[in-house]
Protein backbone atom coordinates (compact mmCIF):
# COMPACT_ATOMS: atom_id res chain seq x y z
CA MET A 1 99.85 98.30 99.88
CA ILE A 2 99.60 102.11 99.86
CA SER A 3 101.06 103.44 103.09
CA SER A 4 98.61 105.21 105.41
CA CYS A 5 101.49 107.34 106.74
CA ILE A 6 102.09 109.22 103.49
CA PRO A 7 99.67 112.01 102.55
CA VAL A 8 97.38 111.12 99.69
CA SER A 9 97.43 113.04 96.45
CA VAL A 10 93.70 112.99 95.81
CA GLY A 11 93.70 115.17 92.74
CA ALA A 12 90.63 116.38 90.95
CA ASN A 13 88.90 113.00 90.99
CA PRO A 14 88.80 111.33 94.46
CA THR A 15 86.75 108.38 93.21
CA ARG A 16 89.89 106.83 91.68
CA LEU A 17 91.46 106.30 95.10
CA LEU A 18 88.16 105.18 96.63
CA SER A 19 87.89 102.51 93.92
CA ASP A 20 91.25 100.99 94.93
CA GLU A 21 90.65 97.97 97.21
CA ARG A 22 94.05 98.56 98.86
CA THR A 23 93.02 101.98 100.17
CA THR A 24 93.20 102.14 103.96
CA LEU A 25 90.62 103.67 106.31
CA SER A 26 93.06 106.49 107.11
CA GLN A 27 93.28 107.33 103.42
CA VAL A 28 89.48 107.22 103.09
CA ARG A 29 89.26 109.80 105.87
CA GLN A 30 91.74 112.01 103.97
CA VAL A 31 89.53 111.73 100.88
CA HIS A 32 86.52 112.66 103.02
CA ALA A 33 88.32 115.79 104.28
CA TYR A 34 89.33 116.69 100.71
CA ILE A 35 85.71 116.38 99.52
CA ILE A 36 84.52 118.73 102.26
CA LYS A 37 87.38 121.22 101.73
CA THR A 38 86.87 121.44 97.97
CA ASN A 39 83.06 121.55 98.24
CA LEU A 40 82.70 118.26 96.36
CA VAL A 41 80.05 117.24 98.88
CA THR A 42 77.42 117.94 96.21
CA HIS A 43 79.28 115.86 93.63
CA VAL A 44 77.02 112.79 93.37
CA LEU A 45 79.64 110.32 92.14
CA SER A 46 82.19 111.29 94.82
CA VAL A 47 79.67 111.16 97.67
CA THR A 48 78.17 107.88 96.44
CA LYS A 49 81.59 106.25 96.30
CA LEU A 50 82.55 107.57 99.74
CA VAL A 51 79.30 106.40 101.35
CA LYS A 52 79.65 102.98 99.72
CA VAL A 53 83.25 102.52 100.90
CA LEU A 54 82.41 103.60 104.45
CA SER A 55 79.30 101.36 104.57
CA GLN A 56 81.56 98.37 103.88
CA SER A 57 84.25 99.43 106.36
CA SER A 58 84.72 98.83 110.08
CA VAL A 59 83.03 102.20 110.77
CA PRO A 60 79.77 102.01 108.77
CA TYR A 61 78.10 104.71 110.89
CA ASP A 62 80.44 107.27 109.27
CA ALA A 63 78.56 106.63 106.01
CA ILE A 64 75.35 107.87 107.69
CA SER A 65 77.13 111.06 108.79
CA VAL A 66 78.38 111.69 105.25
CA PHE A 67 74.85 111.12 103.91
CA ALA A 68 73.35 113.61 106.39
CA HIS A 69 75.97 116.24 105.52
CA ALA A 70 75.52 115.75 101.77
CA LEU A 71 71.73 115.92 102.06
CA SER A 72 71.94 119.28 103.81
CA CYS A 73 74.10 120.68 101.00
CA PHE A 74 72.14 119.38 97.97
CA HIS A 75 70.13 122.04 96.13
CA ASP A 76 67.92 119.46 94.39
CA MET A 77 67.25 115.71 94.57
CA ARG A 78 68.96 114.67 91.35
CA GLY A 79 71.30 111.71 91.84
CA ILE A 80 70.44 111.16 95.50
CA GLU A 81 69.02 107.70 94.68
CA PHE A 82 72.59 106.47 94.10
CA PHE A 83 73.85 106.94 97.64
CA VAL A 84 70.66 106.18 99.62
CA PRO A 85 71.01 102.35 99.23
CA PRO A 86 74.58 102.17 100.67
CA THR A 87 73.44 104.47 103.50
CA LEU A 88 70.60 102.06 104.31
CA LYS A 89 73.14 99.26 104.29
CA ALA A 90 75.26 101.22 106.77
CA CYS A 91 72.21 101.65 109.05
CA GLY A 92 71.74 97.87 109.06
CA LYS A 93 75.41 97.14 109.74
CA SER A 94 75.72 99.69 112.55
CA CYS A 95 72.32 98.84 114.12
CA ALA A 96 71.26 102.47 113.63
CA LEU A 97 67.51 101.91 114.10
CA GLU A 98 66.43 105.52 114.64
CA GLU A 99 68.53 106.84 111.74
CA GLY A 100 67.13 104.08 109.54
CA LYS A 101 63.56 105.06 110.41
CA GLN A 102 64.32 108.73 109.61
CA ILE A 103 65.72 107.79 106.20
CA MET A 104 62.66 105.60 105.59
CA GLY A 105 60.41 108.57 106.33
CA PHE A 106 62.45 110.65 103.89
CA ILE A 107 62.07 107.96 101.20
CA LEU A 108 58.30 107.77 101.65
CA LYS A 109 57.95 111.54 101.07
CA THR A 110 60.03 111.66 97.88
CA HIS A 111 60.27 110.15 94.42
CA LEU A 112 62.65 107.55 95.90
CA TRP A 113 59.63 105.48 96.98
CA ASN A 114 59.11 104.58 93.31
CA ASP A 115 62.71 103.39 92.84
CA PRO A 116 62.91 99.57 93.27
CA PHE A 117 66.67 99.78 93.94
CA VAL A 118 65.99 102.05 96.93
CA THR A 119 62.94 100.18 98.27
CA ASN A 120 64.70 96.82 98.02
CA SER A 121 67.55 98.29 100.07
CA LEU A 122 64.95 99.53 102.58
CA VAL A 123 63.50 96.02 102.97
CA ARG A 124 66.99 94.59 103.48
CA MET A 125 67.80 97.25 106.09
CA CYS A 126 64.64 96.42 108.08
CA LEU A 127 65.55 92.73 107.99
CA GLU A 128 69.15 93.44 109.01
CA LEU A 129 67.81 95.39 112.01
CA GLY A 130 65.54 92.47 112.96
CA MET A 131 62.34 94.34 112.08
CA VAL A 132 60.74 91.53 110.08
CA GLU A 133 57.16 92.81 110.38
CA LEU A 134 58.20 96.29 109.24
CA ALA A 135 60.08 94.76 106.30
CA ARG A 136 56.91 92.88 105.34
CA SER A 137 54.86 96.07 105.64
CA VAL A 138 57.28 97.93 103.35
CA PHE A 139 57.26 94.98 100.92
CA ASP A 140 53.44 94.84 100.78
CA LYS A 141 53.20 98.62 100.07
CA MET A 142 56.01 98.84 97.51
CA PRO A 143 54.77 100.31 94.21
CA THR A 144 57.00 97.95 92.27
CA ARG A 145 58.33 94.54 93.33
CA ASP A 146 60.91 92.57 91.41
CA LEU A 147 62.63 89.23 91.98
CA ILE A 148 65.19 90.89 94.26
CA SER A 149 62.34 92.13 96.49
CA TRP A 150 60.88 88.63 96.86
CA ASN A 151 64.27 87.02 97.45
CA SER A 152 65.18 89.60 100.09
CA LEU A 153 61.98 88.95 102.06
CA LEU A 154 62.38 85.19 101.66
CA SER A 155 65.96 85.31 102.97
CA GLY A 156 64.90 87.59 105.84
CA TYR A 157 62.19 85.24 107.06
CA LEU A 158 64.58 82.29 106.98
CA LYS A 159 67.25 84.23 108.85
CA ALA A 160 64.65 85.12 111.50
CA GLY A 161 63.67 81.45 111.82
CA GLN A 162 60.14 82.04 110.48
CA ILE A 163 60.06 79.02 108.21
CA ASP A 164 56.27 79.02 107.68
CA MET A 165 56.28 82.64 106.52
CA ALA A 166 59.24 81.91 104.23
CA ARG A 167 57.33 79.00 102.74
CA GLU A 168 54.28 81.22 102.16
CA VAL A 169 56.45 83.80 100.36
CA PHE A 170 58.17 81.08 98.30
CA GLU A 171 54.86 79.62 97.15
CA ARG A 172 53.44 83.08 96.30
CA MET A 173 56.43 84.19 94.22
CA PRO A 174 55.31 85.07 90.67
CA GLN A 175 58.65 83.74 89.43
CA ARG A 176 61.68 82.08 91.00
CA ASP A 177 65.33 81.95 90.09
CA LEU A 178 68.28 79.91 91.32
CA VAL A 179 68.72 82.24 94.29
CA SER A 180 65.11 81.66 95.40
CA CYS A 181 65.34 77.87 95.22
CA ASN A 182 68.83 77.66 96.70
CA THR A 183 67.76 79.88 99.61
CA MET A 184 64.72 77.70 100.28
CA ILE A 185 66.69 74.42 100.13
CA ASP A 186 69.19 75.85 102.60
CA GLY A 187 66.40 77.12 104.86
CA TYR A 188 64.46 73.86 104.85
CA GLY A 189 67.65 71.93 105.57
CA LYS A 190 68.60 74.11 108.55
CA HIS A 191 65.09 73.78 110.00
CA GLY A 192 64.99 69.98 109.81
CA LEU A 193 62.63 69.83 106.81
CA CYS A 194 64.85 67.77 104.57
CA GLU A 195 62.00 66.19 102.57
CA LEU A 196 60.71 69.62 101.56
CA ALA A 197 64.24 70.67 100.60
CA GLU A 198 64.49 67.57 98.43
CA GLU A 199 61.16 68.42 96.75
CA VAL A 200 62.47 71.86 95.76
CA PHE A 201 65.73 70.31 94.56
CA MET A 202 63.98 67.69 92.42
CA ASP A 203 61.63 70.27 90.84
CA MET A 204 64.51 72.46 89.64
CA GLY A 205 65.23 72.31 85.94
CA VAL A 206 68.54 74.16 86.29
CA ARG A 207 70.96 73.71 89.19
CA ASP A 208 74.26 75.35 90.01
CA VAL A 209 76.99 74.33 92.44
CA VAL A 210 75.21 76.19 95.28
CA THR A 211 72.09 74.07 94.67
CA TRP A 212 74.03 70.83 95.01
CA THR A 213 75.97 72.10 98.02
CA SER A 214 72.78 73.24 99.81
CA MET A 215 71.10 69.86 99.29
CA ILE A 216 74.17 67.88 100.38
CA SER A 217 74.43 70.07 103.46
CA ALA A 218 70.72 69.54 104.21
CA PHE A 219 71.20 65.74 104.16
CA VAL A 220 74.24 65.94 106.42
CA LEU A 221 72.57 68.34 108.89
CA ASN A 222 69.56 66.03 109.13
CA HIS A 223 71.56 62.87 109.88
CA GLN A 224 71.31 61.37 106.40
CA PRO A 225 75.00 61.10 105.54
CA LYS A 226 74.50 58.26 103.02
CA LYS A 227 72.18 60.42 100.93
CA GLY A 228 74.62 63.31 101.16
CA LEU A 229 77.49 61.14 99.95
CA CYS A 230 75.40 59.65 97.10
CA LEU A 231 74.37 63.13 95.95
CA PHE A 232 78.00 64.27 95.98
CA ARG A 233 78.92 61.32 93.73
CA GLU A 234 76.04 62.22 91.38
CA MET A 235 77.23 65.82 91.33
CA LEU A 236 80.71 64.74 90.23
CA SER A 237 79.33 62.33 87.63
CA LEU A 238 77.47 65.23 85.99
CA GLY A 239 80.67 67.25 85.75
CA VAL A 240 79.76 69.83 88.40
CA ARG A 241 82.92 71.00 90.16
CA PRO A 242 82.26 71.09 93.93
CA ASP A 243 82.98 74.23 95.91
CA ALA A 244 84.66 74.29 99.33
CA PRO A 245 81.39 74.12 101.36
CA ALA A 246 80.33 71.02 99.37
CA VAL A 247 83.66 69.35 100.15
CA VAL A 248 83.32 70.22 103.86
CA SER A 249 79.76 68.82 103.93
CA VAL A 250 80.72 65.55 102.25
CA LEU A 251 83.72 65.15 104.58
CA SER A 252 81.28 65.59 107.46
CA ALA A 253 79.03 62.91 105.94
CA ILE A 254 81.95 60.50 105.67
CA ALA A 255 82.94 61.30 109.27
CA ASP A 256 79.38 60.46 110.39
CA LEU A 257 79.45 57.15 108.51
CA GLY A 258 82.88 56.34 109.92
CA PHE A 259 84.39 54.65 106.86
CA VAL A 260 87.60 56.11 105.55
CA GLU A 261 87.95 54.83 101.96
CA GLU A 262 85.68 57.52 100.49
CA GLY A 263 87.43 60.09 102.66
CA LYS A 264 90.83 59.17 101.28
CA TRP A 265 89.49 59.58 97.74
CA ILE A 266 88.08 63.03 98.60
CA HIS A 267 91.43 63.96 100.19
CA GLY A 268 93.14 63.04 96.93
CA TYR A 269 90.63 65.10 94.97
CA ILE A 270 91.25 68.11 97.25
CA PHE A 271 95.02 67.77 96.86
CA SER A 272 94.98 67.36 93.07
CA ASN A 273 92.61 70.32 92.62
CA LYS A 274 94.52 72.49 95.14
CA ILE A 275 91.32 73.27 97.06
CA LEU A 276 93.05 73.07 100.43
CA ASP A 277 95.36 75.97 99.61
CA ASN A 278 92.50 78.46 99.36
CA TYR A 279 90.16 77.42 102.19
CA ASN A 280 91.40 77.06 105.77
CA PHE A 281 88.35 75.21 107.07
CA ILE A 282 88.86 72.25 104.72
CA GLY A 283 91.98 71.31 106.68
CA SER A 284 89.93 71.17 109.89
CA ALA A 285 87.28 69.06 108.12
CA LEU A 286 89.94 66.60 106.89
CA ILE A 287 91.39 66.23 110.40
CA ASN A 288 87.90 65.66 111.79
CA MET A 289 87.06 63.11 109.09
CA TYR A 290 90.19 61.01 109.62
CA ALA A 291 89.80 61.14 113.40
CA LYS A 292 86.15 60.02 113.29
CA CYS A 293 86.99 57.26 110.82
CA GLY A 294 89.50 55.76 113.25
CA GLN A 295 92.60 56.98 111.39
CA ILE A 296 94.06 59.23 114.07
CA GLU A 297 97.57 58.88 112.58
CA ASN A 298 96.33 60.25 109.23
CA ALA A 299 94.54 63.06 111.07
CA TYR A 300 97.80 63.94 112.80
CA HIS A 301 99.70 63.84 109.49
CA VAL A 302 97.22 66.29 107.92
CA PHE A 303 97.47 68.50 111.00
CA ARG A 304 101.27 68.64 110.89
CA SER A 305 101.18 69.50 107.18
CA ILE A 306 98.98 72.56 107.76
CA CYS A 307 99.56 73.70 111.37
CA HIS A 308 102.06 76.33 110.18
CA ARG A 309 99.03 78.34 109.00
CA ARG A 310 98.25 79.06 112.65
CA ASN A 311 94.53 78.46 112.16
CA VAL A 312 92.99 77.77 115.60
CA GLY A 313 90.31 75.58 113.96
CA ASP A 314 92.97 73.07 112.86
CA TRP A 315 94.32 72.77 116.41
CA ASN A 316 90.79 72.43 117.80
CA SER A 317 89.99 69.60 115.38
CA MET A 318 93.19 67.75 116.31
CA ILE A 319 92.65 68.14 120.06
CA SER A 320 89.03 66.95 119.70
CA GLY A 321 90.16 64.01 117.56
CA LEU A 322 92.71 62.92 120.16
CA ALA A 323 89.99 63.24 122.83
CA PHE A 324 87.62 61.03 120.79
CA HIS A 325 90.29 58.34 120.73
CA GLY A 326 90.92 58.59 124.48
CA LEU A 327 94.41 60.03 123.98
CA ALA A 328 94.16 62.56 126.80
CA PRO A 329 97.92 63.03 127.47
CA GLU A 330 98.53 63.70 123.77
CA ALA A 331 95.65 66.23 123.67
CA ILE A 332 97.08 68.06 126.69
CA GLU A 333 100.56 68.04 125.14
CA LEU A 334 99.17 69.53 121.92
CA PHE A 335 97.38 72.25 123.88
CA GLN A 336 100.66 73.11 125.63
CA GLU A 337 102.36 73.30 122.22
CA MET A 338 99.57 75.62 121.11
CA GLU A 339 100.32 77.90 124.09
CA ARG A 340 104.04 77.91 123.31
CA ALA A 341 103.20 78.93 119.72
CA LYS A 342 101.32 81.94 121.17
CA LEU A 343 98.05 80.86 119.59
CA LYS A 344 95.00 82.02 121.51
CA PRO A 345 92.63 79.14 122.37
CA ASP A 346 88.86 79.64 122.22
CA ASP A 347 85.86 77.95 123.86
CA ILE A 348 86.00 75.07 121.35
CA THR A 349 89.64 74.41 122.24
CA PHE A 350 88.69 73.95 125.89
CA LEU A 351 85.66 71.83 125.04
CA GLY A 352 88.01 69.40 123.26
CA LEU A 353 90.50 69.55 126.12
CA LEU A 354 87.84 68.88 128.79
CA SER A 355 86.44 66.07 126.67
CA ALA A 356 89.92 64.53 126.52
CA CYS A 357 90.25 64.70 130.32
CA ASN A 358 86.77 63.21 130.61
CA HIS A 359 87.50 60.23 128.33
CA GLY A 360 90.86 59.70 130.04
CA GLY A 361 89.50 59.93 133.58
CA LEU A 362 91.89 62.80 134.38
CA MET A 363 89.80 64.51 137.05
CA ASP A 364 92.47 66.86 138.46
CA GLU A 365 93.58 67.97 135.00
CA GLY A 366 89.98 68.52 133.90
CA GLN A 367 89.25 70.75 136.87
CA PHE A 368 92.52 72.62 136.31
CA TYR A 369 91.72 73.44 132.68
CA PHE A 370 88.13 74.35 133.57
CA GLU A 371 89.55 77.02 135.89
CA THR A 372 92.32 77.99 133.44
CA MET A 373 89.87 78.86 130.66
CA GLN A 374 88.07 81.26 133.00
CA ILE A 375 90.93 82.81 134.96
CA LYS A 376 93.79 82.92 132.44
CA PHE A 377 91.91 83.22 129.14
CA LYS A 378 88.74 84.99 130.36
CA ILE A 379 86.50 82.53 128.50
CA VAL A 380 83.00 82.17 129.95
CA PRO A 381 82.07 78.46 130.08
CA LYS A 382 79.02 77.31 128.12
CA ILE A 383 76.69 74.55 129.22
CA GLN A 384 78.76 72.05 127.19
CA HIS A 385 81.84 72.83 129.32
CA TYR A 386 79.83 72.32 132.50
CA GLY A 387 78.49 69.08 131.02
CA CYS A 388 82.06 67.76 130.56
CA ILE A 389 82.95 68.58 134.18
CA VAL A 390 79.73 67.03 135.53
CA ASP A 391 80.33 63.85 133.49
CA LEU A 392 84.00 63.70 134.55
CA LEU A 393 83.18 64.06 138.25
CA GLY A 394 80.24 61.68 138.05
CA ARG A 395 82.10 58.90 136.28
CA SER A 396 84.96 59.29 138.76
CA GLY A 397 82.48 58.61 141.57
CA CYS A 398 82.36 62.20 142.89
CA LEU A 399 78.59 62.51 142.53
CA GLU A 400 78.19 65.09 145.28
CA GLN A 401 80.76 67.37 143.60
CA ALA A 402 78.99 66.89 140.28
CA LEU A 403 75.68 67.97 141.85
CA GLU A 404 77.42 70.98 143.39
CA VAL A 405 78.64 72.06 139.94
CA ILE A 406 75.06 71.77 138.63
CA HIS A 407 73.75 73.82 141.56
CA ASN A 408 76.32 76.62 141.06
CA MET A 409 76.30 76.95 137.26
CA PRO A 410 74.58 80.09 135.90
CA PHE A 411 71.88 78.29 133.91
CA GLU A 412 69.47 75.37 134.23
CA PRO A 413 70.91 71.90 133.49
CA ASP A 414 69.90 70.42 130.14
CA VAL A 415 68.94 66.82 129.37
CA LEU A 416 72.56 65.81 128.61
CA ILE A 417 73.71 66.88 132.08
CA TRP A 418 70.95 64.90 133.79
CA LYS A 419 71.73 61.87 131.61
CA ALA A 420 75.39 62.17 132.66
CA ILE A 421 74.29 62.06 136.32
CA LEU A 422 72.00 59.14 135.53
CA CYS A 423 74.75 57.10 133.85
CA ALA A 424 77.19 57.87 136.67
CA SER A 425 74.56 56.81 139.22
CA MET A 426 74.07 53.52 137.38
CA LYS A 427 77.83 52.95 137.28
CA HIS A 428 78.26 53.62 141.00
CA ASN A 429 75.00 51.95 142.11
CA ASN A 430 73.37 55.13 143.42
CA VAL A 431 69.85 54.09 142.49
CA VAL A 432 68.04 56.91 144.31
CA LEU A 433 70.00 59.69 142.60
CA GLY A 434 69.75 57.87 139.28
CA HIS A 435 65.98 57.69 139.62
CA THR A 436 65.77 61.46 140.31
CA ALA A 437 68.04 62.26 137.35
CA ALA A 438 66.01 60.02 135.04
CA LEU A 439 62.77 61.82 135.92
CA ARG A 440 64.39 65.23 135.37
CA ALA A 441 65.74 64.09 132.00
CA LEU A 442 62.28 62.86 130.98
CA GLU A 443 60.74 66.23 131.86
CA LEU A 444 63.18 67.97 129.51
CA ALA A 445 63.10 65.44 126.65
CA PRO A 446 59.83 63.46 126.64
CA GLN A 447 60.56 62.15 123.11
CA ASP A 448 64.12 60.95 123.85
CA SER A 449 63.91 57.15 123.97
CA SER A 450 67.22 56.81 125.83
CA CYS A 451 65.71 58.59 128.87
CA TYR A 452 63.00 55.93 129.11
CA VAL A 453 65.50 53.11 128.59
CA LEU A 454 67.77 54.43 131.34
CA LEU A 455 64.81 54.87 133.74
CA SER A 456 63.64 51.36 132.91
CA ASN A 457 67.14 50.06 133.62
CA ILE A 458 67.14 51.83 137.00
CA TYR A 459 63.86 50.10 137.93
CA ALA A 460 65.20 46.75 136.66
CA LYS A 461 68.31 47.14 138.79
CA MET A 462 66.02 47.67 141.81
CA GLY A 463 63.89 44.64 140.84
CA ARG A 464 60.83 46.84 140.32
CA TRP A 465 59.50 44.97 137.29
CA ASP A 466 56.02 46.51 137.52
CA ASP A 467 57.58 49.94 137.12
CA VAL A 468 59.61 48.65 134.16
CA SER A 469 56.30 47.67 132.52
CA LYS A 470 54.83 51.09 133.29
CA VAL A 471 57.75 52.84 131.60
CA ARG A 472 57.32 50.71 128.47
CA SER A 473 53.59 51.40 128.50
CA MET A 474 54.33 55.13 128.78
CA MET A 475 56.60 54.89 125.74
CA ARG A 476 53.86 53.21 123.71
CA LYS A 477 51.28 55.84 124.68
CA ARG A 478 53.62 58.69 123.77
CA GLY A 479 54.69 57.05 120.52
CA VAL A 480 58.34 56.81 121.59
CA ARG A 481 60.31 53.93 120.12
CA LYS A 482 63.53 52.53 121.49
CA ILE A 483 66.44 52.96 119.08
CA PRO A 484 67.72 49.46 118.24
CA GLY A 485 71.43 48.75 118.44
CA CYS A 486 72.95 48.85 114.95
CA SER A 487 76.53 48.11 113.92
CA SER A 488 78.10 48.65 110.51
CA ILE A 489 81.19 47.28 108.86
CA LEU A 490 82.65 48.19 105.46
CA MET A 491 84.02 45.56 103.09
CA ASP A 492 84.90 45.95 99.40
CA GLY A 493 83.26 49.36 99.25
CA LYS A 494 79.93 48.11 100.61
CA VAL A 495 78.47 48.87 104.04
CA HIS A 496 77.07 45.83 105.86
CA GLN A 497 74.69 46.55 108.74
CA PHE A 498 73.61 44.38 111.66
CA LEU A 499 70.76 44.93 114.10
CA VAL A 500 70.38 43.16 117.43
CA GLY A 501 69.89 39.51 116.52
CA LYS A 502 70.10 39.75 112.74
CA ALA A 503 71.96 40.94 109.68
CA MET A 504 70.21 43.56 107.55
CA ASN A 505 71.09 41.41 104.55
CA VAL A 506 69.31 38.15 105.40
CA GLY A 507 71.65 36.26 103.10
CA TYR A 508 74.38 36.63 105.72
CA ASN A 509 72.29 35.58 108.70
CA GLN A 510 73.12 31.89 108.94
CA SER A 511 76.84 32.15 108.16
CA VAL A 512 77.27 35.01 110.64
CA LEU A 513 75.36 33.22 113.40
CA SER A 514 77.39 30.04 112.81
CA LYS A 515 80.66 31.96 113.02
CA LEU A 516 79.49 33.76 116.16
CA GLU A 517 78.58 30.45 117.78
CA GLU A 518 82.07 29.18 117.03
CA VAL A 519 83.69 32.33 118.51
CA VAL A 520 81.58 32.16 121.69
CA SER A 521 82.47 28.51 122.17
CA LYS A 522 86.19 29.24 121.77
CA LEU A 523 86.04 32.21 124.17
CA LYS A 524 84.19 30.19 126.81
CA SER A 525 86.89 27.55 126.69
CA GLU A 526 89.32 30.39 127.55
CA GLY A 527 87.22 31.50 130.53
CA TYR A 528 84.69 33.95 129.06
CA GLU A 529 81.49 34.31 131.07
CA PRO A 530 78.70 36.54 129.73
CA ASP A 531 77.90 39.47 132.01
CA LEU A 532 74.19 38.88 132.62
CA ASN A 533 73.92 42.12 134.60
CA GLU A 534 73.86 43.91 131.26
CA VAL A 535 70.41 42.43 130.46
CA PHE A 536 67.67 44.44 132.16
CA LEU A 537 64.84 42.00 131.45
CA ASP A 538 62.85 39.75 133.78
CA ILE A 539 63.76 36.52 132.00
CA GLU A 540 65.65 33.30 132.72
CA GLU A 541 69.47 33.36 132.74
CA CYS A 542 69.74 31.23 129.61
CA GLU A 543 67.54 33.72 127.77
CA LYS A 544 69.66 36.60 129.08
CA GLU A 545 72.77 34.93 127.64
CA SER A 546 71.05 34.53 124.26
CA GLN A 547 70.15 38.22 124.30
CA LEU A 548 73.77 39.22 125.03
CA ILE A 549 75.30 37.02 122.36
CA LEU A 550 73.17 38.61 119.64
CA HIS A 551 74.28 42.19 120.24
CA SER A 552 74.86 43.93 116.91
CA GLU A 553 78.61 44.56 117.40
CA LYS A 554 79.19 40.83 118.05
CA LEU A 555 77.39 39.98 114.80
CA ALA A 556 79.45 42.57 112.92
CA LEU A 557 82.62 41.14 114.46
CA ALA A 558 81.69 37.59 113.40
CA PHE A 559 81.16 38.87 109.86
CA GLY A 560 84.51 40.68 109.96
CA LEU A 561 86.38 37.60 111.21
CA SER A 562 84.91 35.58 108.32
CA SER A 563 85.36 38.18 105.58
CA ILE A 564 88.32 40.45 106.35
CA PRO A 565 91.81 38.98 105.81
CA GLU A 566 94.10 38.44 108.78
CA GLY A 567 96.39 41.36 109.48
CA VAL A 568 93.76 43.88 108.37
CA PRO A 569 92.04 45.74 111.24
CA ILE A 570 88.31 45.18 111.67
CA HIS A 571 86.50 48.55 111.82
CA ILE A 572 83.01 48.60 113.35
CA VAL A 573 80.72 51.60 113.84
CA LYS A 574 78.06 51.28 116.58
CA ASN A 575 75.16 53.73 116.97
CA LEU A 576 74.91 53.24 120.76
CA ARG A 577 77.37 52.93 123.63
CA ILE A 578 79.15 49.56 123.77
CA CYS A 579 78.11 47.49 126.82
CA SER A 580 80.63 46.03 129.27
CA ASP A 581 79.99 42.46 128.08
CA CYS A 582 80.70 43.33 124.43
CA HIS A 583 83.78 45.26 125.58
CA THR A 584 85.16 42.19 127.37
CA PHE A 585 84.20 40.05 124.36
CA MET A 586 86.20 42.26 121.97
CA GLN A 587 89.23 42.22 124.24
CA LEU A 588 89.25 38.43 124.34
CA VAL A 589 88.75 38.08 120.57
CA SER A 590 91.64 40.48 119.90
CA LYS A 591 93.85 38.27 122.07
CA ILE A 592 92.72 34.78 121.08
CA TYR A 593 92.31 35.47 117.34
CA ASN A 594 95.25 37.93 117.22
CA ARG A 595 93.14 40.57 115.46
CA GLN A 596 93.08 44.33 115.80
CA ILE A 597 89.52 45.56 116.32
CA ILE A 598 88.52 49.23 116.17
CA ILE A 599 85.04 50.17 117.37
CA ARG A 600 83.50 53.62 117.26
CA ASP A 601 80.51 53.78 119.55
CA GLN A 602 78.21 56.69 120.36
CA ASN A 603 80.79 58.38 122.59
CA ARG A 604 84.33 57.44 121.56
CA PHE A 605 86.77 55.01 119.93
CA HIS A 606 87.94 51.71 121.37
CA HIS A 607 91.10 50.17 119.89
CA PHE A 608 91.35 46.50 120.90
CA ASN A 609 94.68 44.76 120.46
CA LYS A 610 96.25 41.73 122.18
CA GLY A 611 93.57 41.61 124.87
CA CYS A 612 93.75 45.29 125.81
CA CYS A 613 91.68 48.35 124.95
CA SER A 614 92.90 51.90 124.41
CA CYS A 615 90.30 53.14 126.93
CA ARG A 616 92.01 51.14 129.70
CA ASN A 617 88.51 49.94 130.70
CA TYR A 618 87.39 53.47 131.52
CA TRP A 619 84.54 54.61 129.30
């Protein structure tokens, strides 16, 4: 590193120092002074280099000042086209709208308007300043358009969220390259149009690593982790070396699926190819993957191996992972260690910490850290932080306090906050408040099936069966379908799925049902009684019991007991929250059959062992 304290010997050619990446801002300013003093301000190469360096620095506006000074000193226009593009870039970076418009007017009056390099930079500046319509106007009037022009406009529309306009540009392009297609795949994926992204991907004759990464990411973002994982395997089979974003995306896919074997293989691949050494965020992704796959010990091992890097993201992932497993004291202890290490927490840190207090039922601690983030660390809470506090207070039975938090927060409650109030009302038998919360949730999310189900359950709890029928009729009219309970279990590298009442692979149906019947019989002899209050249907008690017995996680458990050797934990992933009857069922099975059962439901992990659950019956 060249010291900024020692005067620079610029010499006759200042561009040499400006070309050195190690040059500090202080030294750049010395070069600037030298250029002015020696009247090199009309030297095109020197000015171009200075403007370019400043446009990429922390003070991009200085590049505009240099441009204005140079322009006033030039006797003719020769060479000016070289330093106009970096000046336009500086206008975009420093949000210099008025200066940008003045330079645009200058371009329109000179020969620069016929230079594609300049006009492309002008389009990019307009887009950087958020002037999408002006960028389109410039694009439409450009004397010459090349592929860079089209790609710039395409990228700008996608960045502005104008997916339809981006699609129109993409379809009108006279030719496309990898950049065009990769940009469109990424844009479609981020806007929930995964099928269209896949169409572009399949039509490409040539693909690079960015193509594969963009498509994998699109699958993961749109809740299709299986497809993302399959595409990653195909990518490797074709000899394409994945980049860091591809690895992060596939780790996220594995985390969503909840099965760790693939994750362990990816971890080995990362280690052998030394990918982790160069990209900090892969460590966070590994911690997240292990935590969401039920391997919190492995997550902690990864964390301890990389925490010396002092990357806040790694600490956030570990705290969130501990929270997901209901290990609130450990999450708090890790946060305290983070403070002792003088690492500055951010809003994500506190979201994980509040989530840990929520899952652990630590009301006092949750309120303390909610205040700490604001008072000590000056972090403004987001709606997610308020949601954690509302859920914590509600589940603890402090419904009035929860409503007070909602009333005092600086923005309108979202559907998740009203659903938290609704669930708390159901838990504490406050039917009136639950009914109000359900209606508010429905107003905000008319296509969310869980809102209808929860409202229907409120009516069922009140014995208002006519209203239950009306809710179901409303769902049919609006085309809303209830999400069926689905549980998955991995064995010998294959995922086996079970819906309520049946196995997805019909070949397993009879053997699973027979095993489940045997388990139920054994549990009943030990005192198990199905909790019929969990069935919100107007049917006979014997039918209610049949409904309960066929819950998807019980079917998956029966399959696991039959197929997974003793001593090996049974891992089950459930797409919805586990009901209280299934929770009791798992506790009894873990005791009577002496099996460790790990269930990941919609909200958290439950580790069942010897008749107890890690959640301590608070979930």
